[in-house]
Amino acid sequence: MSNKIAIITGGSRGLGKSAALKLAQQGVDVILTYHSKKAEALAVVAEIESYGGQAAALQLDVGNSASFNEFATQVQQLLAEKWQRKDFNFLVNNAGIGIHAGIAETTEAQFDQLVNIQFKGVFFLTQKLLPLIADHGRIINISTGLTRFALPGYAAYGAMKGAIEVLSKYLAKELGARGIAVNVVAPGAIETDFGDGAVRDNSQINSFIASQTALGRVGLPDDIGGVIASLLNDANGWINAQRIEASGGMFL
């Protein structure tokens, strides 16, 4: 029987890279997308292949929905050529950016960029890929702890992720007839280059978050990659339409 296949957007680094590697270790093949860091993406592909898995990388700008038809065609061709298949099993909508600005300072350009990448992109990329997702597949959308607690400076970002959480429930409802489960993973603060690496590189921010987290430290990419891989495991197929926060217990 052929391996299951996952598409992970933003899979060249951070949480997406961790999820790709964790899934590969579970025997899942991976198509990962990258925005500009092709060399990093190909390094992840090589690492997956070193485990004996199959992987490929495709360029994608999730903020440019006009490109999604072409991307879906590329996926279709790749599935046929590399896997001799017409469909894939798992979609992980992970790619994103962070913009830190108070409500009074947020520009329309910043707001529109967040809408296009964090919300519109997820909505329409998922829509374009629905015909290629196998029945009884799964979708995971990435949200944030910032939909549960409010930290000044993240209003626009948190609002987009709130929209993703509502969208995920509607996806679960509408795709239930096909046996497709849809869940949200909401990370807390993680040490990545997200937001210019502030959580990782600013010792004051890092210490503050650690002090406000029940498990006493800031999260790492593998903490989230493991959760994503676990949710896509056969054993967790009955979990549906849930928001699963993976934050180590932030701001309890």
Protein backbone atom coordinates (compact mmCIF):
# COMPACT_ATOMS: atom_id res chain seq x y z
CA MET A 1 0.00 0.00 0.00
CA SER A 2 1.37 3.43 -0.89
CA ASN A 3 2.32 5.94 1.76
CA LYS A 4 0.01 8.76 2.68
CA ILE A 5 1.02 12.16 1.32
CA ALA A 6 0.90 15.52 3.12
CA ILE A 7 1.13 19.03 1.66
CA ILE A 8 2.64 21.49 4.14
CA THR A 9 2.76 25.17 3.24
CA GLY A 10 5.81 27.01 4.55
CA GLY A 11 7.69 23.76 5.06
CA SER A 12 11.25 24.99 4.57
CA ARG A 13 11.80 26.10 8.18
CA GLY A 14 10.26 26.52 11.61
CA LEU A 15 7.05 24.71 12.47
CA GLY A 16 6.44 23.55 8.91
CA LYS A 17 9.87 21.96 8.66
CA SER A 18 9.41 20.22 12.00
CA ALA A 19 5.99 18.91 10.96
CA ALA A 20 7.41 17.65 7.66
CA LEU A 21 10.23 15.75 9.38
CA LYS A 22 7.97 14.32 12.11
CA LEU A 23 5.47 13.12 9.51
CA ALA A 24 8.25 11.59 7.42
CA GLN A 25 9.38 9.66 10.49
CA GLN A 26 5.82 8.27 10.66
CA GLY A 27 6.08 7.08 7.06
CA VAL A 28 4.15 9.96 5.47
CA ASP A 29 5.48 11.39 2.19
CA VAL A 30 5.62 15.18 1.99
CA ILE A 31 5.14 17.96 -0.56
CA LEU A 32 6.31 21.16 1.08
CA THR A 33 5.99 24.68 -0.23
CA TYR A 34 8.44 27.53 0.16
CA HIS A 35 8.16 31.21 -0.65
CA SER A 36 11.76 32.16 -1.45
CA LYS A 37 14.13 29.83 0.41
CA LYS A 38 14.53 27.10 -2.20
CA ALA A 39 17.84 25.79 -0.83
CA GLU A 40 16.36 25.37 2.65
CA ALA A 41 13.33 23.59 1.19
CA LEU A 42 15.49 21.20 -0.82
CA ALA A 43 17.53 20.46 2.32
CA VAL A 44 14.32 19.35 4.07
CA VAL A 45 13.46 17.19 1.05
CA ALA A 46 16.92 15.58 1.22
CA GLU A 47 16.53 14.90 4.94
CA ILE A 48 13.16 13.20 4.37
CA GLU A 49 14.67 11.11 1.60
CA SER A 50 17.46 10.10 3.98
CA TYR A 51 14.73 8.51 6.16
CA GLY A 52 13.63 6.49 3.14
CA GLY A 53 10.60 8.67 2.46
CA GLN A 54 9.61 10.55 -0.66
CA ALA A 55 9.36 14.33 -0.74
CA ALA A 56 9.25 17.30 -3.09
CA ALA A 57 9.26 21.10 -2.82
CA LEU A 58 7.12 23.56 -4.78
CA GLN A 59 7.34 27.35 -4.78
CA LEU A 60 4.18 29.09 -3.58
CA ASP A 61 3.23 32.58 -2.43
CA VAL A 62 0.20 31.96 -0.21
CA GLY A 63 -0.56 35.69 -0.32
CA ASN A 64 -1.16 35.56 -4.09
CA SER A 65 -4.43 33.71 -4.61
CA ALA A 66 -4.27 34.34 -8.38
CA SER A 67 -1.47 31.74 -8.51
CA PHE A 68 -3.45 28.93 -6.86
CA ASN A 69 -4.94 27.43 -10.05
CA GLU A 70 -1.44 27.01 -11.45
CA PHE A 71 -0.21 25.59 -8.15
CA ALA A 72 -3.03 23.02 -8.08
CA THR A 73 -2.04 21.97 -11.59
CA GLN A 74 1.59 21.59 -10.46
CA VAL A 75 0.46 19.44 -7.54
CA GLN A 76 -1.63 17.29 -9.87
CA GLN A 77 1.33 16.77 -12.21
CA LEU A 78 3.71 16.03 -9.34
CA LEU A 79 1.35 13.47 -7.81
CA ALA A 80 1.01 11.71 -11.16
CA GLU A 81 4.71 11.71 -11.99
CA LYS A 82 6.25 10.98 -8.59
CA TRP A 83 3.55 8.95 -6.87
CA GLN A 84 1.33 7.71 -9.72
CA ARG A 85 -1.62 9.11 -7.80
CA LYS A 86 -4.44 11.57 -8.38
CA ASP A 87 -4.83 12.70 -4.77
CA PHE A 88 -3.08 13.42 -1.46
CA ASN A 89 -4.23 12.85 2.13
CA PHE A 90 -3.28 15.72 4.41
CA LEU A 91 -3.20 19.51 4.00
CA VAL A 92 -1.39 21.56 6.64
CA ASN A 93 -1.99 25.30 6.16
CA ASN A 94 1.06 26.53 8.04
CA ALA A 95 2.69 29.33 6.02
CA GLY A 96 2.35 32.79 7.50
CA ILE A 97 3.95 35.98 8.70
CA GLY A 98 3.67 38.02 11.87
CA ILE A 99 3.22 41.78 12.04
CA HIS A 100 3.60 43.47 15.43
CA ALA A 101 1.78 46.80 15.55
CA GLY A 102 -0.76 48.39 17.86
CA ILE A 103 -4.24 49.04 16.52
CA ALA A 104 -3.51 52.78 16.32
CA GLU A 105 -0.35 52.16 14.27
CA THR A 106 -1.48 49.33 11.95
CA THR A 107 -1.49 50.45 8.33
CA GLU A 108 -3.95 49.29 5.70
CA ALA A 109 -1.04 47.78 3.78
CA GLN A 110 -0.07 45.68 6.80
CA PHE A 111 -3.68 44.67 7.36
CA ASP A 112 -4.17 43.69 3.72
CA GLN A 113 -0.94 41.66 3.74
CA LEU A 114 -2.15 39.73 6.78
CA VAL A 115 -5.58 39.15 5.23
CA ASN A 116 -4.05 37.86 1.99
CA ILE A 117 -1.57 35.50 3.65
CA GLN A 118 -3.30 34.42 6.85
CA PHE A 119 -6.94 34.24 5.82
CA LYS A 120 -7.75 34.70 2.12
CA GLY A 121 -4.80 32.52 1.16
CA VAL A 122 -5.88 29.67 3.45
CA PHE A 123 -9.51 29.91 2.30
CA PHE A 124 -8.83 29.82 -1.43
CA LEU A 125 -5.81 27.50 -1.40
CA THR A 126 -7.90 24.96 0.49
CA GLN A 127 -10.76 25.51 -1.97
CA LYS A 128 -8.49 24.91 -5.00
CA LEU A 129 -6.97 21.76 -3.46
CA LEU A 130 -10.25 20.18 -2.29
CA PRO A 131 -10.67 18.12 -5.49
CA LEU A 132 -7.20 16.64 -4.90
CA ILE A 133 -7.68 15.74 -1.22
CA ALA A 134 -8.57 12.08 -0.80
CA ASP A 135 -11.80 11.19 0.98
CA HIS A 136 -11.08 10.46 4.67
CA GLY A 137 -8.16 12.87 4.50
CA ARG A 138 -7.40 15.60 7.02
CA ILE A 139 -6.80 19.32 7.12
CA ILE A 140 -4.90 21.14 9.85
CA ASN A 141 -4.97 24.92 10.02
CA ILE A 142 -2.44 26.74 12.19
CA SER A 143 -3.76 29.41 14.54
CA THR A 144 -2.20 30.96 17.64
CA GLY A 145 -2.58 31.31 21.39
CA LEU A 146 -3.30 34.98 20.62
CA THR A 147 -6.93 34.09 19.85
CA ARG A 148 -7.40 33.03 23.50
CA PHE A 149 -5.38 35.74 25.22
CA ALA A 150 -4.70 39.29 24.05
CA LEU A 151 -1.20 40.75 23.87
CA PRO A 152 -1.09 44.38 22.67
CA GLY A 153 0.40 44.66 19.19
CA TYR A 154 -1.18 41.55 17.70
CA ALA A 155 -4.77 42.70 17.09
CA ALA A 156 -4.77 42.29 13.29
CA TYR A 157 -2.82 39.03 13.38
CA GLY A 158 -4.96 37.56 16.15
CA ALA A 159 -8.17 38.60 14.37
CA MET A 160 -7.07 36.79 11.17
CA LYS A 161 -6.34 33.66 13.17
CA GLY A 162 -9.74 33.98 14.87
CA ALA A 163 -11.23 33.91 11.38
CA ILE A 164 -9.23 30.74 10.62
CA GLU A 165 -10.68 29.05 13.70
CA VAL A 166 -14.25 29.80 12.57
CA LEU A 167 -13.45 28.76 9.00
CA SER A 168 -12.10 25.44 10.30
CA LYS A 169 -15.45 24.60 11.90
CA TYR A 170 -17.25 25.33 8.63
CA LEU A 171 -14.76 23.22 6.70
CA ALA A 172 -15.31 20.34 9.12
CA LYS A 173 -19.09 20.64 8.70
CA GLU A 174 -19.04 20.89 4.91
CA LEU A 175 -16.38 18.22 4.34
CA GLY A 176 -17.78 15.75 6.85
CA ALA A 177 -19.70 13.94 4.12
CA ARG A 178 -16.35 13.08 2.53
CA GLY A 179 -14.95 11.84 5.83
CA ILE A 180 -12.43 14.69 5.97
CA ALA A 181 -11.59 15.90 9.48
CA VAL A 182 -10.47 19.50 10.03
CA ASN A 183 -8.70 20.73 13.15
CA VAL A 184 -6.79 23.77 14.39
CA VAL A 185 -3.42 23.68 16.10
CA ALA A 186 -2.81 26.86 18.08
CA PRO A 187 0.84 27.25 19.14
CA GLY A 188 1.91 29.46 22.00
CA ALA A 189 5.12 31.45 21.70
CA ILE A 190 7.78 29.43 19.84
CA GLU A 191 11.49 29.99 19.30
CA THR A 192 11.61 30.50 15.51
CA ASP A 193 12.55 33.33 13.13
CA PHE A 194 8.84 34.29 13.10
CA GLY A 195 8.41 38.00 13.86
CA ASP A 196 12.13 38.58 13.27
CA GLY A 197 12.98 35.95 15.87
CA ALA A 198 11.91 38.12 18.81
CA VAL A 199 10.83 35.22 21.04
CA ARG A 200 14.04 33.30 20.30
CA ASP A 201 16.57 36.16 20.32
CA ASN A 202 15.25 38.68 22.87
CA SER A 203 16.17 37.30 26.28
CA GLN A 204 13.70 39.57 28.11
CA ILE A 205 10.76 38.39 25.98
CA ASN A 206 11.92 34.79 26.27
CA SER A 207 12.22 34.97 30.06
CA PHE A 208 8.84 36.68 30.43
CA ILE A 209 7.06 34.04 28.35
CA ALA A 210 8.82 31.21 30.19
CA SER A 211 7.70 32.73 33.50
CA GLN A 212 4.08 32.81 32.26
CA THR A 213 4.12 29.21 30.99
CA ALA A 214 3.18 26.33 33.30
CA LEU A 215 5.95 24.09 31.93
CA GLY A 216 8.49 26.83 32.55
CA ARG A 217 10.02 27.38 29.12
CA VAL A 218 9.30 28.78 25.67
CA GLY A 219 8.10 26.32 23.01
CA LEU A 220 10.34 24.87 20.31
CA PRO A 221 9.36 23.98 16.72
CA ASP A 222 9.48 20.25 17.49
CA ASP A 223 6.87 20.76 20.23
CA ILE A 224 4.43 21.80 17.50
CA GLY A 225 5.64 19.51 14.73
CA GLY A 226 4.97 16.59 17.04
CA VAL A 227 1.41 17.73 17.73
CA ILE A 228 0.67 18.12 14.00
CA ALA A 229 2.08 14.67 13.22
CA SER A 230 0.12 13.16 16.10
CA LEU A 231 -3.16 14.68 14.91
CA LEU A 232 -2.60 13.16 11.47
CA ASN A 233 -1.99 9.72 12.95
CA ASP A 234 -4.69 7.11 12.27
CA ALA A 235 -5.35 6.83 16.00
CA ASN A 236 -6.61 10.43 16.13
CA GLY A 237 -9.02 10.28 13.20
CA TRP A 238 -12.09 10.87 15.39
CA ILE A 239 -10.84 14.28 16.55
CA ASN A 240 -12.68 16.84 14.42
CA ALA A 241 -13.51 20.56 14.46
CA GLN A 242 -11.30 21.13 17.52
CA ARG A 243 -8.88 23.88 18.48
CA ILE A 244 -5.88 22.22 20.10
CA GLU A 245 -3.62 24.71 21.84
CA ALA A 246 -0.02 23.62 22.20
CA SER A 247 1.49 26.28 24.42
CA GLY A 248 2.89 24.45 27.44
CA GLY A 249 0.16 26.18 29.44
CA MET A 250 0.67 29.89 28.67
CA PHE A 251 -1.24 32.48 30.70
CA LEU A 252 -3.33 29.99 32.67
